[in-house]
Structure formats: C-alpha cells, structure tokens
PDB file of N, CA and C in Angstrom:
ATOM      1  N   MET A   1     -21.406  -0.038 -13.306  1.00  0.00           N
ATOM      2  CA  MET A   1     -20.220  -0.864 -13.302  1.00  0.00           C
ATOM      3  C   MET A   1     -18.957  -0.017 -13.122  1.00  0.00           C
ATOM      4  N   LYS A   2     -18.974   1.171 -13.730  1.00  0.00           N
ATOM      5  CA  LYS A   2     -17.822   2.061 -13.586  1.00  0.00           C
ATOM      6  C   LYS A   2     -17.628   2.479 -12.129  1.00  0.00           C
ATOM      7  N   ASP A   3     -18.742   2.703 -11.420  1.00  0.00           N
ATOM      8  CA  ASP A   3     -18.646   3.100 -10.013  1.00  0.00           C
ATOM      9  C   ASP A   3     -18.017   1.987  -9.179  1.00  0.00           C
ATOM     10  N   LEU A   4     -18.387   0.752  -9.461  1.00  0.00           N
ATOM     11  CA  LEU A   4     -17.819  -0.372  -8.725  1.00  0.00           C
ATOM     12  C   LEU A   4     -16.319  -0.477  -8.971  1.00  0.00           C
ATOM     13  N   LEU A   5     -15.913  -0.357 -10.206  1.00  0.00           N
ATOM     14  CA  LEU A   5     -14.487  -0.419 -10.522  1.00  0.00           C
ATOM     15  C   LEU A   5     -13.730   0.755  -9.902  1.00  0.00           C
ATOM     16  N   ALA A   6     -14.335   1.930  -9.916  1.00  0.00           N
ATOM     17  CA  ALA A   6     -13.704   3.093  -9.290  1.00  0.00           C
ATOM     18  C   ALA A   6     -13.550   2.869  -7.785  1.00  0.00           C
ATOM     19  N   ALA A   7     -14.559   2.286  -7.161  1.00  0.00           N
ATOM     20  CA  ALA A   7     -14.496   2.013  -5.724  1.00  0.00           C
ATOM     21  C   ALA A   7     -13.391   0.996  -5.420  1.00  0.00           C
ATOM     22  N   LEU A   8     -13.283  -0.034  -6.223  1.00  0.00           N
ATOM     23  CA  LEU A   8     -12.231  -1.030  -6.023  1.00  0.00           C
ATOM     24  C   LEU A   8     -10.844  -0.416  -6.211  1.00  0.00           C
ATOM     25  N   CYS A   9     -10.726   0.476  -7.162  1.00  0.00           N
ATOM     26  CA  CYS A   9      -9.449   1.168  -7.365  1.00  0.00           C
ATOM     27  C   CYS A   9      -9.105   2.030  -6.153  1.00  0.00           C
ATOM     28  N   LEU A  10     -10.085   2.702  -5.588  1.00  0.00           N
ATOM     29  CA  LEU A  10      -9.834   3.517  -4.396  1.00  0.00           C
ATOM     30  C   LEU A  10      -9.424   2.652  -3.207  1.00  0.00           C
ATOM     31  N   VAL A  11     -10.014   1.475  -3.079  1.00  0.00           N
ATOM     32  CA  VAL A  11      -9.603   0.552  -2.017  1.00  0.00           C
ATOM     33  C   VAL A  11      -8.139   0.185  -2.202  1.00  0.00           C
ATOM     34  N   ALA A  12      -7.736  -0.118  -3.421  1.00  0.00           N
ATOM     35  CA  ALA A  12      -6.338  -0.464  -3.695  1.00  0.00           C
ATOM     36  C   ALA A  12      -5.414   0.709  -3.379  1.00  0.00           C
ATOM     37  N   VAL A  13      -5.827   1.920  -3.704  1.00  0.00           N
ATOM     38  CA  VAL A  13      -5.017   3.108  -3.411  1.00  0.00           C
ATOM     39  C   VAL A  13      -4.860   3.281  -1.902  1.00  0.00           C
ATOM     40  N   ILE A  14      -5.935   3.141  -1.159  1.00  0.00           N
ATOM     41  CA  ILE A  14      -5.880   3.318   0.295  1.00  0.00           C
ATOM     42  C   ILE A  14      -5.025   2.231   0.929  1.00  0.00           C
ATOM     43  N   GLU A  15      -5.205   0.978   0.517  1.00  0.00           N
ATOM     44  CA  GLU A  15      -4.379  -0.113   1.044  1.00  0.00           C
ATOM     45  C   GLU A  15      -2.905   0.134   0.729  1.00  0.00           C
ATOM     46  N   GLY A  16      -2.620   0.534  -0.491  1.00  0.00           N
ATOM     47  CA  GLY A  16      -1.246   0.808  -0.874  1.00  0.00           C
ATOM     48  C   GLY A  16      -0.659   1.962  -0.094  1.00  0.00           C
ATOM     49  N   LEU A  17      -1.464   2.972   0.178  1.00  0.00           N
ATOM     50  CA  LEU A  17      -0.992   4.119   0.950  1.00  0.00           C
ATOM     51  C   LEU A  17      -0.600   3.697   2.358  1.00  0.00           C
ATOM     52  N   PHE A  18      -1.432   2.879   3.001  1.00  0.00           N
ATOM     53  CA  PHE A  18      -1.104   2.393   4.341  1.00  0.00           C
ATOM     54  C   PHE A  18       0.183   1.575   4.331  1.00  0.00           C
ATOM     55  N   LEU A  19       0.322   0.694   3.360  1.00  0.00           N
ATOM     56  CA  LEU A  19       1.532  -0.128   3.274  1.00  0.00           C
ATOM     57  C   LEU A  19       2.766   0.718   2.987  1.00  0.00           C
ATOM     58  N   PHE A  20       2.623   1.730   2.165  1.00  0.00           N
ATOM     59  CA  PHE A  20       3.751   2.592   1.824  1.00  0.00           C
ATOM     60  C   PHE A  20       4.143   3.498   2.990  1.00  0.00           C
ATOM     61  N   ALA A  21       3.151   4.085   3.644  1.00  0.00           N
ATOM     62  CA  ALA A  21       3.420   5.082   4.678  1.00  0.00           C
ATOM     63  C   ALA A  21       3.844   4.471   6.010  1.00  0.00           C
ATOM     64  N   ALA A  22       3.270   3.330   6.370  1.00  0.00           N
ATOM     65  CA  ALA A  22       3.555   2.747   7.693  1.00  0.00           C
ATOM     66  C   ALA A  22       3.569   1.224   7.610  1.00  0.00           C
ATOM     67  N   PRO A  23       4.565   0.651   6.956  1.00  0.00           N
ATOM     68  CA  PRO A  23       4.573  -0.802   6.783  1.00  0.00           C
ATOM     69  C   PRO A  23       4.700  -1.566   8.105  1.00  0.00           C
ATOM     70  N   ALA A  24       5.460  -1.038   9.063  1.00  0.00           N
ATOM     71  CA  ALA A  24       5.612  -1.738  10.344  1.00  0.00           C
ATOM     72  C   ALA A  24       4.290  -1.760  11.111  1.00  0.00           C
ATOM     73  N   ALA A  25       3.586  -0.641  11.126  1.00  0.00           N
ATOM     74  CA  ALA A  25       2.286  -0.584  11.807  1.00  0.00           C
ATOM     75  C   ALA A  25       1.287  -1.504  11.126  1.00  0.00           C
ATOM     76  N   TRP A  26       1.318  -1.552   9.801  1.00  0.00           N
ATOM     77  CA  TRP A  26       0.409  -2.431   9.062  1.00  0.00           C
ATOM     78  C   TRP A  26       0.696  -3.885   9.397  1.00  0.00           C
ATOM     79  N   LYS A  27       1.982  -4.233   9.508  1.00  0.00           N
ATOM     80  CA  LYS A  27       2.365  -5.602   9.834  1.00  0.00           C
ATOM     81  C   LYS A  27       1.913  -5.973  11.249  1.00  0.00           C
ATOM     82  N   ARG A  28       2.086  -5.056  12.204  1.00  0.00           N
ATOM     83  CA  ARG A  28       1.619  -5.314  13.576  1.00  0.00           C
ATOM     84  C   ARG A  28       0.113  -5.521  13.602  1.00  0.00           C
ATOM     85  N   MET A  29      -0.615  -4.690  12.837  1.00  0.00           N
ATOM     86  CA  MET A  29      -2.063  -4.823  12.793  1.00  0.00           C
ATOM     87  C   MET A  29      -2.460  -6.186  12.218  1.00  0.00           C
ATOM     88  N   ALA A  30      -1.770  -6.615  11.165  1.00  0.00           N
ATOM     89  CA  ALA A  30      -2.074  -7.909  10.554  1.00  0.00           C
ATOM     90  C   ALA A  30      -1.810  -9.050  11.538  1.00  0.00           C
ATOM     91  N   GLU A  31      -0.748  -8.941  12.325  1.00  0.00           N
ATOM     92  CA  GLU A  31      -0.460  -9.957  13.335  1.00  0.00           C
ATOM     93  C   GLU A  31      -1.545  -9.993  14.403  1.00  0.00           C
ATOM     94  N   GLN A  32      -2.045  -8.832  14.793  1.00  0.00           N
ATOM     95  CA  GLN A  32      -3.110  -8.774  15.790  1.00  0.00           C
ATOM     96  C   GLN A  32      -4.391  -9.376  15.227  1.00  0.00           C
ATOM     97  N   LEU A  33      -4.640  -9.167  13.947  1.00  0.00           N
ATOM     98  CA  LEU A  33      -5.838  -9.752  13.335  1.00  0.00           C
ATOM     99  C   LEU A  33      -5.761 -11.278  13.325  1.00  0.00           C
ATOM    100  N   LEU A  34      -4.563 -11.817  13.137  1.00  0.00           N
ATOM    101  CA  LEU A  34      -4.405 -13.273  13.158  1.00  0.00           C
ATOM    102  C   LEU A  34      -4.721 -13.847  14.530  1.00  0.00           C
ATOM    103  N   ASP A  35      -4.438 -13.084  15.572  1.00  0.00           N
ATOM    104  CA  ASP A  35      -4.689 -13.547  16.936  1.00  0.00           C
ATOM    105  C   ASP A  35      -6.119 -13.288  17.407  1.00  0.00           C
ATOM    106  N   ALA A  36      -6.860 -12.471  16.697  1.00  0.00           N
ATOM    107  CA  ALA A  36      -8.222 -12.114  17.118  1.00  0.00           C
ATOM    108  C   ALA A  36      -9.164 -13.299  16.924  1.00  0.00           C
ATOM    109  N   PRO A  37     -10.111 -13.477  17.839  1.00  0.00           N
ATOM    110  CA  PRO A  37     -11.086 -14.559  17.678  1.00  0.00           C
ATOM    111  C   PRO A  37     -12.005 -14.289  16.481  1.00  0.00           C
ATOM    112  N   LEU A  38     -12.470 -15.356  15.862  1.00  0.00           N
ATOM    113  CA  LEU A  38     -13.306 -15.221  14.666  1.00  0.00           C
ATOM    114  C   LEU A  38     -14.575 -14.401  14.900  1.00  0.00           C
ATOM    115  N   PRO A  39     -15.286 -14.577  16.035  1.00  0.00           N
ATOM    116  CA  PRO A  39     -16.480 -13.736  16.234  1.00  0.00           C
ATOM    117  C   PRO A  39     -16.160 -12.238  16.260  1.00  0.00           C
ATOM    118  N   ALA A  40     -15.013 -11.868  16.818  1.00  0.00           N
ATOM    119  CA  ALA A  40     -14.634 -10.449  16.854  1.00  0.00           C
ATOM    120  C   ALA A  40     -14.357  -9.945  15.439  1.00  0.00           C
ATOM    121  N   LEU A  41     -13.685 -10.752  14.630  1.00  0.00           N
ATOM    122  CA  LEU A  41     -13.428 -10.359  13.245  1.00  0.00           C
ATOM    123  C   LEU A  41     -14.735 -10.225  12.470  1.00  0.00           C
ATOM    124  N   ARG A  42     -15.659 -11.141  12.724  1.00  0.00           N
ATOM    125  CA  ARG A  42     -16.955 -11.086  12.050  1.00  0.00           C
ATOM    126  C   ARG A  42     -17.707  -9.815  12.434  1.00  0.00           C
ATOM    127  N   ARG A  43     -17.650  -9.451  13.726  1.00  0.00           N
ATOM    128  CA  ARG A  43     -18.310  -8.220  14.189  1.00  0.00           C
ATOM    129  C   ARG A  43     -17.684  -6.994  13.538  1.00  0.00           C
ATOM    130  N   MET A  44     -16.344  -6.960  13.481  1.00  0.00           N
ATOM    131  CA  MET A  44     -15.667  -5.816  12.856  1.00  0.00           C
ATOM    132  C   MET A  44     -16.043  -5.718  11.379  1.00  0.00           C
ATOM    133  N   GLY A  45     -16.128  -6.860  10.714  1.00  0.00           N
ATOM    134  CA  GLY A  45     -16.530  -6.860   9.309  1.00  0.00           C
ATOM    135  C   GLY A  45     -17.955  -6.373   9.131  1.00  0.00           C
ATOM    136  N   ALA A  46     -18.846  -6.806  10.011  1.00  0.00           N
ATOM    137  CA  ALA A  46     -20.246  -6.380   9.925  1.00  0.00           C
ATOM    138  C   ALA A  46     -20.377  -4.880  10.172  1.00  0.00           C
ATOM    139  N   ILE A  47     -19.615  -4.371  11.132  1.00  0.00           N
ATOM    140  CA  ILE A  47     -19.665  -2.933  11.426  1.00  0.00           C
ATOM    141  C   ILE A  47     -19.130  -2.133  10.244  1.00  0.00           C
ATOM    142  N   ALA A  48     -18.015  -2.574   9.667  1.00  0.00           N
ATOM    143  CA  ALA A  48     -17.449  -1.870   8.507  1.00  0.00           C
ATOM    144  C   ALA A  48     -18.417  -1.924   7.325  1.00  0.00           C
ATOM    145  N   LEU A  49     -19.035  -3.071   7.118  1.00  0.00           N
ATOM    146  CA  LEU A  49     -20.003  -3.221   6.032  1.00  0.00           C
ATOM    147  C   LEU A  49     -21.195  -2.294   6.232  1.00  0.00           C
ATOM    148  N   ALA A  50     -21.745  -2.291   7.437  1.00  0.00           N
ATOM    149  CA  ALA A  50     -22.903  -1.440   7.719  1.00  0.00           C
ATOM    150  C   ALA A  50     -22.539   0.046   7.588  1.00  0.00           C
ATOM    151  N   ALA A  51     -21.377   0.425   8.108  1.00  0.00           N
ATOM    152  CA  ALA A  51     -20.958   1.831   8.014  1.00  0.00           C
ATOM    153  C   ALA A  51     -20.783   2.232   6.552  1.00  0.00           C
ATOM    154  N   GLY A  52     -20.177   1.363   5.765  1.00  0.00           N
ATOM    155  CA  GLY A  52     -19.996   1.665   4.346  1.00  0.00           C
ATOM    156  C   GLY A  52     -21.318   1.802   3.615  1.00  0.00           C
ATOM    157  N   LEU A  53     -22.254   0.916   3.908  1.00  0.00           N
ATOM    158  CA  LEU A  53     -23.566   0.999   3.256  1.00  0.00           C
ATOM    159  C   LEU A  53     -24.320   2.262   3.657  1.00  0.00           C
ATOM    160  N   VAL A  54     -24.252   2.624   4.934  1.00  0.00           N
ATOM    161  CA  VAL A  54     -24.923   3.843   5.397  1.00  0.00           C
ATOM    162  C   VAL A  54     -24.307   5.071   4.738  1.00  0.00           C
ATOM    163  N   MET A  55     -22.969   5.122   4.691  1.00  0.00           N
ATOM    164  CA  MET A  55     -22.319   6.277   4.060  1.00  0.00           C
ATOM    165  C   MET A  55     -22.626   6.339   2.570  1.00  0.00           C
ATOM    166  N   LEU A  56     -22.646   5.197   1.910  1.00  0.00           N
ATOM    167  CA  LEU A  56     -22.980   5.167   0.486  1.00  0.00           C
ATOM    168  C   LEU A  56     -24.407   5.642   0.257  1.00  0.00           C
ATOM    169  N   TRP A  57     -25.330   5.175   1.077  1.00  0.00           N
ATOM    170  CA  TRP A  57     -26.731   5.607   0.957  1.00  0.00           C
ATOM    171  C   TRP A  57     -26.818   7.113   1.195  1.00  0.00           C
ATOM    172  N   TRP A  58     -26.127   7.605   2.221  1.00  0.00           N
ATOM    173  CA  TRP A  58     -26.173   9.023   2.553  1.00  0.00           C
ATOM    174  C   TRP A  58     -25.615   9.863   1.405  1.00  0.00           C
ATOM    175  N   LEU A  59     -24.503   9.428   0.820  1.00  0.00           N
ATOM    176  CA  LEU A  59     -23.910  10.183  -0.285  1.00  0.00           C
ATOM    177  C   LEU A  59     -24.765  10.182  -1.540  1.00  0.00           C
ATOM    178  N   ARG A  60     -25.499   9.123  -1.760  1.00  0.00           N
ATOM    179  CA  ARG A  60     -26.298   8.992  -2.975  1.00  0.00           C
ATOM    180  C   ARG A  60     -27.663   9.673  -2.881  1.00  0.00           C
ATOM    181  N   HIS A  61     -28.074  10.057  -1.667  1.00  0.00           N
ATOM    182  CA  HIS A  61     -29.388  10.687  -1.518  1.00  0.00           C
ATOM    183  C   HIS A  61     -29.276  12.124  -1.148  1.00  0.00           C
TER     184      HIS A  61
END
C-alpha cells in the first residue's frame, strides 16, 4: 500500500512540475487532447499503461 501511495505522490510531483515549468505548453497540450479523437486517446492510454507495467515488472525483477 505504501508503494501505491508513493507512486501516486510521484505522479502529483511530475504533474505539478510540468504545470510549474511550462504552463503554456501544458495548456496547448490539453487543448490538443480535447481535439483528439477518442480512439487515439484510448490507444495512447493503452500504450502508456503497457509501458508502465513493463517498466514496473522490469524494475521489480
């Protein structure tokens, strides 16, 4: 459970860093995501999910 909470905290830190360092770029990216078709967003989510799981498995073994 501690690992999950630590991971969520790191996500918040990374998101905050992007917003702090480049708010205009983050806003442009968010606007582009709103215009993206749903299947493309689903594919990007699946790729990010798979990459995260592979990296987590690799780090743990």
